[in-house]
Protein backbone atom coordinates (compact mmCIF):
# COMPACT_ATOMS: atom_id res chain seq x y z
CA UNK A 1 19.77 -4.25 13.22
CA UNK A 2 16.57 -5.70 14.68
CA UNK A 3 13.96 -3.03 13.99
CA UNK A 4 10.49 -2.98 15.51
CA UNK A 5 7.73 -1.07 13.70
CA UNK A 6 4.78 -0.34 16.01
CA UNK A 7 1.28 0.40 14.67
CA UNK A 8 -2.29 0.19 15.94
CA UNK A 9 -3.29 -1.66 12.78
CA UNK A 10 -1.41 -2.99 9.79
CA UNK A 11 -2.27 -4.12 6.26
CA UNK A 12 -5.84 -5.16 6.94
CA UNK A 13 -6.56 -1.43 6.89
CA UNK A 14 -5.02 0.24 3.84
CA UNK A 15 -3.83 3.78 4.52
CA UNK A 16 -0.85 5.99 3.90
CA UNK A 17 0.67 4.89 7.23
CA UNK A 18 0.30 1.13 6.66
CA UNK A 19 1.61 1.48 3.10
CA UNK A 20 4.58 3.47 4.38
CA UNK A 21 5.42 0.84 7.01
CA UNK A 22 5.20 -1.92 4.42
CA UNK A 23 7.55 -0.06 2.06
CA UNK A 24 10.04 0.74 4.84
CA UNK A 25 10.08 -2.90 5.79
CA UNK A 26 10.69 -3.99 2.19
CA UNK A 27 13.70 -1.74 1.66
CA UNK A 28 15.20 -2.31 5.10
CA UNK A 29 14.95 -6.07 4.76
CA UNK A 30 16.56 -5.79 1.35
CA UNK A 31 19.47 -4.09 3.13
CA UNK A 32 19.87 -7.07 5.44
CA UNK A 33 18.00 -5.89 8.55
CA UNK A 34 15.34 -7.79 10.50
CA UNK A 35 12.12 -5.77 10.59
CA UNK A 36 9.20 -6.81 12.81
CA UNK A 37 5.77 -5.18 12.80
CA UNK A 38 3.92 -5.20 16.14
CA UNK A 39 0.20 -4.60 15.81
CA UNK A 40 -3.26 -5.68 17.04
CA UNK A 41 -6.14 -7.73 15.71
CA UNK A 42 -6.78 -11.17 14.25
CA UNK A 43 -3.74 -12.50 12.33
CA UNK A 44 -6.07 -14.53 10.09
CA UNK A 45 -8.03 -11.47 8.96
CA UNK A 46 -5.33 -9.53 7.11
CA UNK A 47 -2.84 -9.89 4.29
CA UNK A 48 -0.03 -11.18 6.51
CA UNK A 49 -1.20 -14.72 7.35
CA UNK A 50 1.81 -16.87 8.11
CA UNK A 51 4.27 -13.97 8.16
CA UNK A 52 6.47 -14.55 11.24
CA UNK A 53 7.68 -10.94 11.18
CA UNK A 54 4.19 -9.50 11.74
CA UNK A 55 3.36 -9.99 15.42
CA UNK A 56 -0.27 -9.64 16.48
CA UNK A 57 -1.66 -9.07 19.95
CA UNK A 58 -5.38 -9.56 20.63
CA UNK A 59 -7.57 -6.57 19.90
CA UNK A 60 -11.32 -6.10 20.12
CA UNK A 61 -12.71 -4.86 16.79
CA UNK A 62 -14.64 -1.62 17.17
CA UNK A 63 -17.60 -1.42 14.79
CA UNK A 64 -18.18 -0.28 12.08
CA UNK A 65 -14.49 0.16 11.17
CA UNK A 66 -13.30 -3.05 12.93
CA UNK A 67 -10.36 -0.98 14.18
CA UNK A 68 -8.82 -3.12 16.97
CA UNK A 69 -8.82 -1.78 20.51
CA UNK A 70 -6.30 -3.37 22.89
CA UNK A 71 -5.16 -2.85 26.46
CA UNK A 72 -1.69 -4.37 26.13
CA UNK A 73 0.60 -6.46 23.98
CA UNK A 74 0.55 -10.22 24.44
CA UNK A 75 3.31 -11.69 26.59
CA UNK A 76 4.98 -13.17 23.49
CA UNK A 77 4.85 -9.85 21.63
CA UNK A 78 6.19 -7.92 24.62
CA UNK A 79 9.12 -10.29 25.09
CA UNK A 80 10.02 -10.06 21.39
CA UNK A 81 9.61 -6.27 21.36
CA UNK A 82 12.17 -6.01 24.15
CA UNK A 83 14.79 -7.74 21.98
CA UNK A 84 14.74 -5.01 19.32
CA UNK A 85 17.71 -2.70 18.75
CA UNK A 86 15.36 0.16 17.96
CA UNK A 87 11.58 0.65 17.95
CA UNK A 88 9.82 2.99 15.52
CA UNK A 89 6.32 4.08 16.58
CA UNK A 90 3.77 5.11 13.96
CA UNK A 91 0.63 5.60 16.12
CA UNK A 92 1.12 7.46 19.40
CA UNK A 93 -2.03 7.05 21.49
CA UNK A 94 -2.49 3.26 21.78
CA UNK A 95 0.31 1.08 20.43
CA UNK A 96 2.87 3.84 20.94
CA UNK A 97 2.19 4.28 24.66
CA UNK A 98 2.24 0.54 25.17
CA UNK A 99 5.59 0.38 23.36
CA UNK A 100 7.04 3.06 25.64
CA UNK A 101 5.91 1.08 28.66
CA UNK A 102 7.44 -2.14 27.30
CA UNK A 103 10.75 -0.69 26.10
CA UNK A 104 11.64 1.99 28.62
CA UNK A 105 13.13 -0.36 31.21
CA UNK A 106 15.40 -1.88 28.56
CA UNK A 107 16.70 1.47 27.35
CA UNK A 108 15.71 0.71 23.76
CA UNK A 109 15.83 3.86 21.58
CA UNK A 110 12.35 4.95 20.48
CA UNK A 111 11.54 6.86 17.30
CA UNK A 112 8.13 8.40 16.56
CA UNK A 113 6.89 9.45 13.12
CA UNK A 114 4.21 12.13 13.30
CA UNK A 115 2.09 11.00 10.36
CA UNK A 116 -1.15 12.80 11.17
CA UNK A 117 -2.47 16.23 12.01
CA UNK A 118 -4.45 14.92 14.94
CA UNK A 119 -6.20 18.22 15.62
CA UNK A 120 -8.07 17.85 12.31
CA UNK A 121 -9.20 14.36 13.26
CA UNK A 122 -10.56 15.75 16.52
CA UNK A 123 -12.53 18.41 14.64
CA UNK A 124 -14.00 15.78 12.32
CA UNK A 125 -14.75 12.99 14.80
CA UNK A 126 -15.28 14.87 18.09
CA UNK A 127 -17.32 17.90 16.97
CA UNK A 128 -19.21 17.93 20.28
CA UNK A 129 -16.01 18.95 22.13
CA UNK A 130 -15.13 22.66 21.85
CA UNK A 131 -12.26 23.08 19.39
CA UNK A 132 -10.06 24.92 21.86
CA UNK A 133 -10.45 22.20 24.48
CA UNK A 134 -9.77 19.30 22.10
CA UNK A 135 -6.71 21.06 20.71
CA UNK A 136 -5.34 21.74 24.19
CA UNK A 137 -5.80 18.11 25.21
CA UNK A 138 -4.20 16.83 22.01
CA UNK A 139 -1.24 19.17 22.36
CA UNK A 140 -0.65 18.00 25.90
CA UNK A 141 -0.93 14.29 25.04
CA UNK A 142 1.22 14.50 21.93
CA UNK A 143 3.83 16.74 23.57
CA UNK A 144 4.23 14.35 26.50
CA UNK A 145 4.45 11.32 24.24
CA UNK A 146 6.91 12.90 21.79
CA UNK A 147 9.20 14.08 24.57
CA UNK A 148 9.53 10.45 25.75
CA UNK A 149 11.16 9.57 22.41
CA UNK A 150 14.82 9.46 21.44
CA UNK A 151 13.94 11.04 18.09
CA UNK A 152 10.84 12.42 16.37
CA UNK A 153 10.55 12.18 12.59
CA UNK A 154 8.53 14.87 10.81
CA UNK A 155 7.52 14.51 7.16
CA UNK A 156 7.90 18.24 6.51
CA UNK A 157 9.40 21.47 7.82
CA UNK A 158 5.96 22.90 8.57
CA UNK A 159 5.04 19.97 10.79
CA UNK A 160 8.40 20.25 12.58
CA UNK A 161 7.62 23.92 13.27
CA UNK A 162 4.20 22.93 14.65
CA UNK A 163 5.69 20.31 16.94
CA UNK A 164 8.25 22.80 18.26
CA UNK A 165 5.46 25.31 18.89
CA UNK A 166 3.61 22.63 20.83
CA UNK A 167 6.60 22.15 23.13
CA UNK A 168 8.36 19.08 21.69
CA UNK A 169 11.96 19.42 22.88
CA UNK A 170 13.62 16.20 21.68
CA UNK A 171 15.52 16.13 18.35
CA UNK A 172 13.23 16.33 15.30
CA UNK A 173 14.49 15.23 11.90
CA UNK A 174 12.62 16.01 8.67
CA UNK A 175 12.34 12.83 6.60
CA UNK A 176 9.65 12.80 3.89
CA UNK A 177 7.41 9.77 3.73
CA UNK A 178 8.71 7.57 0.96
CA UNK A 179 7.05 6.36 -2.21
CA UNK A 180 7.92 3.33 -4.31
CA UNK A 181 8.15 5.33 -7.52
CA UNK A 182 8.85 2.54 -10.00
CA UNK A 183 5.23 1.48 -10.52
CA UNK A 184 4.07 5.09 -11.02
CA UNK A 185 6.81 6.16 -13.38
CA UNK A 186 6.26 3.17 -15.69
CA UNK A 187 2.48 2.77 -15.38
CA UNK A 188 0.40 1.99 -18.45
CA UNK A 189 -2.89 3.88 -18.54
CA UNK A 190 -6.18 2.04 -18.34
CA UNK A 191 -8.07 2.19 -21.66
CA UNK A 192 -10.51 5.10 -21.37
CA UNK A 193 -13.03 3.59 -23.75
CA UNK A 194 -13.35 0.47 -21.59
CA UNK A 195 -14.44 2.66 -18.68
CA UNK A 196 -16.85 4.86 -20.61
CA UNK A 197 -14.61 7.90 -21.11
CA UNK A 198 -13.35 9.47 -24.32
CA UNK A 199 -10.14 11.29 -25.13
CA UNK A 200 -11.75 14.74 -25.14
CA UNK A 201 -12.73 14.54 -21.48
CA UNK A 202 -10.42 15.91 -18.79
CA UNK A 203 -10.29 13.35 -16.00
CA UNK A 204 -9.70 14.62 -12.48
CA UNK A 205 -8.88 12.01 -9.85
CA UNK A 206 -8.82 12.13 -6.06
CA UNK A 207 -7.26 9.13 -4.28
CA UNK A 208 -7.83 8.55 -0.58
CA UNK A 209 -10.28 7.50 2.07
CA UNK A 210 -13.77 8.96 1.91
CA UNK A 211 -13.59 10.66 5.29
CA UNK A 212 -14.65 14.01 6.71
CA UNK A 213 -11.08 15.16 7.40
CA UNK A 214 -10.32 14.89 3.67
CA UNK A 215 -12.53 17.95 3.03
CA UNK A 216 -14.39 16.24 0.18
CA UNK A 217 -17.53 18.36 0.43
CA UNK A 218 -15.36 21.35 -0.42
CA UNK A 219 -13.98 19.45 -3.43
CA UNK A 220 -17.45 18.62 -4.73
CA UNK A 221 -18.68 22.19 -4.36
CA UNK A 222 -15.58 23.53 -6.12
CA UNK A 223 -16.00 20.97 -8.90
CA UNK A 224 -19.60 22.07 -9.39
CA UNK A 225 -18.34 25.58 -10.16
CA UNK A 226 -15.85 24.23 -12.69
CA UNK A 227 -18.40 21.90 -14.29
CA UNK A 228 -20.82 24.80 -14.76
CA UNK A 229 -18.28 26.60 -17.00
CA UNK A 230 -16.16 23.84 -18.56
CA UNK A 231 -17.90 20.86 -20.25
CA UNK A 232 -14.97 18.43 -20.40
CA UNK A 233 -14.02 17.64 -16.75
CA UNK A 234 -15.08 14.43 -14.99
CA UNK A 235 -14.25 13.77 -11.33
CA UNK A 236 -13.23 10.30 -10.12
CA UNK A 237 -13.16 9.50 -6.39
CA UNK A 238 -10.98 6.46 -5.67
CA UNK A 239 -11.26 5.19 -2.13
CA UNK A 240 -13.53 3.66 0.44
CA UNK A 241 -14.86 4.87 3.75
CA UNK A 242 -17.81 4.53 6.06
CA UNK A 243 -21.05 3.76 4.26
CA UNK A 244 -22.86 6.63 6.00
CA UNK A 245 -20.31 9.25 4.93
CA UNK A 246 -20.20 7.94 1.38
CA UNK A 247 -23.98 8.21 1.25
CA UNK A 248 -23.73 11.81 2.43
CA UNK A 249 -21.34 12.56 -0.42
CA UNK A 250 -23.57 10.83 -2.96
CA UNK A 251 -26.55 12.89 -1.79
CA UNK A 252 -24.50 16.07 -2.08
CA UNK A 253 -23.50 15.14 -5.63
CA UNK A 254 -27.16 14.83 -6.58
CA UNK A 255 -28.09 18.05 -4.77
CA UNK A 256 -25.36 19.91 -6.67
CA UNK A 257 -26.60 18.51 -9.97
CA UNK A 258 -23.26 16.90 -10.92
CA UNK A 259 -24.29 13.25 -10.73
CA UNK A 260 -23.38 12.66 -14.39
CA UNK A 261 -19.93 14.21 -13.91
CA UNK A 262 -18.77 12.39 -10.74
CA UNK A 263 -17.93 8.69 -10.43
CA UNK A 264 -17.30 6.87 -7.16
CA UNK A 265 -14.77 4.12 -7.86
CA UNK A 266 -14.90 2.58 -4.39
CA UNK A 267 -11.81 1.03 -2.78
CA UNK A 268 -9.10 0.50 -5.41
CA UNK A 269 -6.29 -1.97 -4.83
CA UNK A 270 -3.05 -0.06 -4.28
CA UNK A 271 -1.37 -1.99 -7.07
CA UNK A 272 -3.99 -0.67 -9.51
CA UNK A 273 -3.66 3.00 -8.54
CA UNK A 274 -0.73 3.72 -10.94
CA UNK A 275 -2.81 2.70 -13.97
CA UNK A 276 -5.75 4.86 -12.85
CA UNK A 277 -3.45 7.85 -12.37
CA UNK A 278 -1.80 7.31 -15.75
CA UNK A 279 -5.23 7.45 -17.40
CA UNK A 280 -6.15 10.78 -15.79
CA UNK A 281 -5.14 14.39 -16.44
CA UNK A 282 -5.14 16.17 -13.06
CA UNK A 283 -4.79 15.04 -9.46
CA UNK A 284 -7.09 16.90 -7.08
CA UNK A 285 -6.92 17.13 -3.32
CA UNK A 286 -8.62 19.51 -0.90
CA UNK A 287 -7.41 17.89 2.31
CA UNK A 288 -5.86 20.24 4.84
CA UNK A 289 -5.23 17.50 7.45
CA UNK A 290 -2.16 15.83 5.93
CA UNK A 291 1.33 15.79 7.38
CA UNK A 292 2.62 14.38 4.10
CA UNK A 293 0.56 13.95 0.95
CA UNK A 294 1.57 10.40 0.00
CA UNK A 295 -1.04 10.14 -2.76
CA UNK A 296 0.07 13.57 -4.01
CA UNK A 297 3.68 12.41 -4.37
CA UNK A 298 2.47 9.27 -6.15
CA UNK A 299 0.41 11.35 -8.58
CA UNK A 300 3.40 13.57 -9.32
CA UNK A 301 5.53 10.48 -10.03
CA UNK A 302 2.82 9.42 -12.50
CA UNK A 303 3.19 12.78 -14.27
CA UNK A 304 0.01 14.53 -13.10
CA UNK A 305 -0.22 18.21 -12.16
CA UNK A 306 -1.83 18.78 -8.77
CA UNK A 307 -4.63 21.09 -7.68
CA UNK A 308 -4.37 21.43 -3.90
CA UNK A 309 -4.85 23.76 -0.95
CA UNK A 310 -1.98 25.63 0.66
CA UNK A 311 -1.53 23.71 3.93
CA UNK A 312 1.06 21.52 5.67
CA UNK A 313 1.55 18.26 3.81
CA UNK A 314 0.33 19.10 0.33
CA UNK A 315 1.81 22.58 0.47
CA UNK A 316 5.21 21.10 1.35
CA UNK A 317 5.19 18.91 -1.77
CA UNK A 318 3.55 20.93 -4.54
CA UNK A 319 5.47 23.89 -5.98
CA UNK A 320 2.77 26.43 -6.79
CA UNK A 321 2.83 27.37 -10.45
CA UNK A 322 5.42 24.70 -11.33
CA UNK A 323 4.10 21.26 -10.40
CA UNK A 324 0.51 22.36 -9.90
CA UNK A 325 -1.57 25.04 -8.24
CA UNK A 326 -2.11 25.76 -4.56
CA UNK A 327 -5.05 27.88 -3.52
CA UNK A 328 -6.47 29.24 -0.31
CA UNK A 329 -9.25 27.21 1.28
CA UNK A 330 -11.67 29.32 -0.70
CA UNK A 331 -14.15 27.88 -3.19
CA UNK A 332 -13.75 30.62 -5.78
CA UNK A 333 -9.95 30.54 -5.65
CA UNK A 334 -9.69 26.77 -5.86
CA UNK A 335 -12.29 26.48 -8.63
CA UNK A 336 -10.59 29.19 -10.69
CA UNK A 337 -7.21 27.43 -10.56
CA UNK A 338 -8.73 24.03 -11.22
CA UNK A 339 -10.58 25.41 -14.25
CA UNK A 340 -7.29 26.83 -15.53
CA UNK A 341 -5.74 23.36 -15.39
CA UNK A 342 -8.77 21.83 -17.10
CA UNK A 343 -8.59 24.19 -20.07
CA UNK A 344 -4.83 24.33 -20.73
CA UNK A 345 -3.43 21.02 -22.02
CA UNK A 346 0.10 22.38 -22.52
CA UNK A 347 0.22 23.68 -18.96
CA UNK A 348 -0.89 20.30 -17.66
CA UNK A 349 1.89 18.61 -19.62
CA UNK A 350 4.59 21.03 -18.39
CA UNK A 351 3.50 20.80 -14.77
CA UNK A 352 3.22 17.02 -14.99
CA UNK A 353 6.78 16.70 -16.28
CA UNK A 354 8.05 19.03 -13.55
CA UNK A 355 6.16 17.01 -10.92
CA UNK A 356 7.69 13.78 -12.17
CA UNK A 357 11.18 15.25 -11.67
CA UNK A 358 10.31 16.72 -8.28
CA UNK A 359 8.95 13.41 -7.02
CA UNK A 360 12.40 11.82 -7.15
CA UNK A 361 13.23 13.28 -3.72
CA UNK A 362 10.49 11.08 -2.21
CA UNK A 363 11.89 7.81 -3.55
CA UNK A 364 11.58 5.14 -0.85
CA UNK A 365 15.17 3.94 -1.21
CA UNK A 366 16.40 7.42 -0.31
CA UNK A 367 13.98 7.67 2.62
CA UNK A 368 14.86 4.23 3.98
CA UNK A 369 18.58 5.04 3.82
CA UNK A 370 18.01 8.24 5.76
CA UNK A 371 15.99 6.46 8.47
CA UNK A 372 18.59 3.71 8.79
CA UNK A 373 21.30 6.32 9.23
CA UNK A 374 19.36 7.89 12.12
CA UNK A 375 18.64 4.45 13.62
CA UNK A 376 22.34 3.57 13.52
CA UNK A 377 23.30 6.79 15.28
CA UNK A 378 20.78 6.15 18.10
CA UNK A 379 21.70 2.49 18.58
CA UNK A 380 25.42 3.26 18.61
CA UNK A 381 24.92 6.15 21.02
CA UNK A 382 23.15 3.76 23.39
CA UNK A 383 25.97 1.22 23.09
CA UNK A 384 28.72 3.83 23.19
CA UNK A 385 30.03 2.32 19.96
CA UNK A 386 31.47 3.94 16.83
CA UNK A 387 29.17 4.24 13.83
CA UNK A 388 30.95 1.38 12.04
CA UNK A 389 29.77 -1.29 14.50
CA UNK A 390 26.37 -2.12 13.03
CA UNK A 391 27.36 -3.40 9.63
CA UNK A 392 30.39 -5.21 8.22
CA UNK A 393 30.96 -2.16 6.00
CA UNK A 394 29.74 0.37 8.57
CA UNK A 395 26.86 2.76 8.01
CA UNK A 396 27.76 2.89 4.31
CA UNK A 397 26.63 -0.73 4.10
CA UNK A 398 23.09 0.10 5.15
CA UNK A 399 21.80 0.35 1.58
CA UNK A 400 24.34 1.52 -0.96
CA UNK A 401 27.70 3.13 -0.37
CA UNK A 402 27.19 6.31 -2.33
CA UNK A 403 23.62 6.92 -1.21
CA UNK A 404 24.28 6.65 2.50
CA UNK A 405 27.52 8.61 2.26
CA UNK A 406 25.49 11.50 0.85
CA UNK A 407 23.05 11.29 3.77
CA UNK A 408 25.87 11.03 6.29
CA UNK A 409 27.61 14.08 4.79
CA UNK A 410 24.35 16.05 4.89
CA UNK A 411 23.79 15.09 8.54
CA UNK A 412 27.32 16.23 9.46
CA UNK A 413 26.79 19.56 7.69
CA UNK A 414 23.55 20.17 9.60
CA UNK A 415 25.25 19.39 12.90
């Protein structure tokens, strides 16, 4: 198959979505498919210089993030996009709408992955708009866009339920976002002494962008409560963000009196994250805006218990009391459960081992096989062809015979 992945921005901006696209591409190409990424910006500014399968259209960088804003695909990109067998959209409001416009006349099947809880982004970045109004507008825009798709992919059951409640009528398949587990399961820990930590300290790590929707002020305030009672914990924040927001967080750390217990690591190369996780004891997240907690699944694969908040995304991954703790979005509740993890080494070990086993369901090979099975069904439905037409060994040839047979059997049972 010729597969088009559509995104507003690609690897120049590291995020869960861009990492996911990159991993999908890797496994699908390994299976013999052609995967193109259609995006915006300067092709000389990212990590894909000279890659003929990453197709850029001009975009005006919006300061300070340099996020590219574009009005349309280039003529070359549009012509190539229209030769795809299937197009998978990962951002709905810019690149996604342009893809619909380009592909609709050709009857190309369109798939949309709902990666983000957009209502939380509106609360964080458009606080001057009444919450009810912004939510109503978002629901209307997302509902209309999703209903123009052949298939919507949801990373969790809770997000599928939300989309149905918003009026999305097209088929919705739950496919977790995949993780390349190998690096996390075999990671060697960074030497603590080299970084100024000792073996007695309990290292808590949060991995992700420093952004308002990640609820980091809540995390810092909860950590202050833990630090006041338990001397061992240290909190590491791995990730970059806007300078102004990072400065706000640094000021809050000083105001809370935890400056000696919190370390800002800045942006960490994704290839280095496994070693940081392997060094630490607990993964912490207080985000309630996720559709799928990619960094949470990665931490579980590295053998860390998770302290999170009961919400879509994280709550769909963490098994409360088994692979970590889930609390209400309440400072006292979260701090109490985090303190319990900090003071019980045996519990951390048991939960970490359980998390490592649980993470296997998010292996990227499994996820890619599932997506390819759905792609094949859509492409063949369009062509009126039997499922065996896309590969010399049929759908079973997509990745590995046994793996795809299991997914095909599961799909037939659900039907």
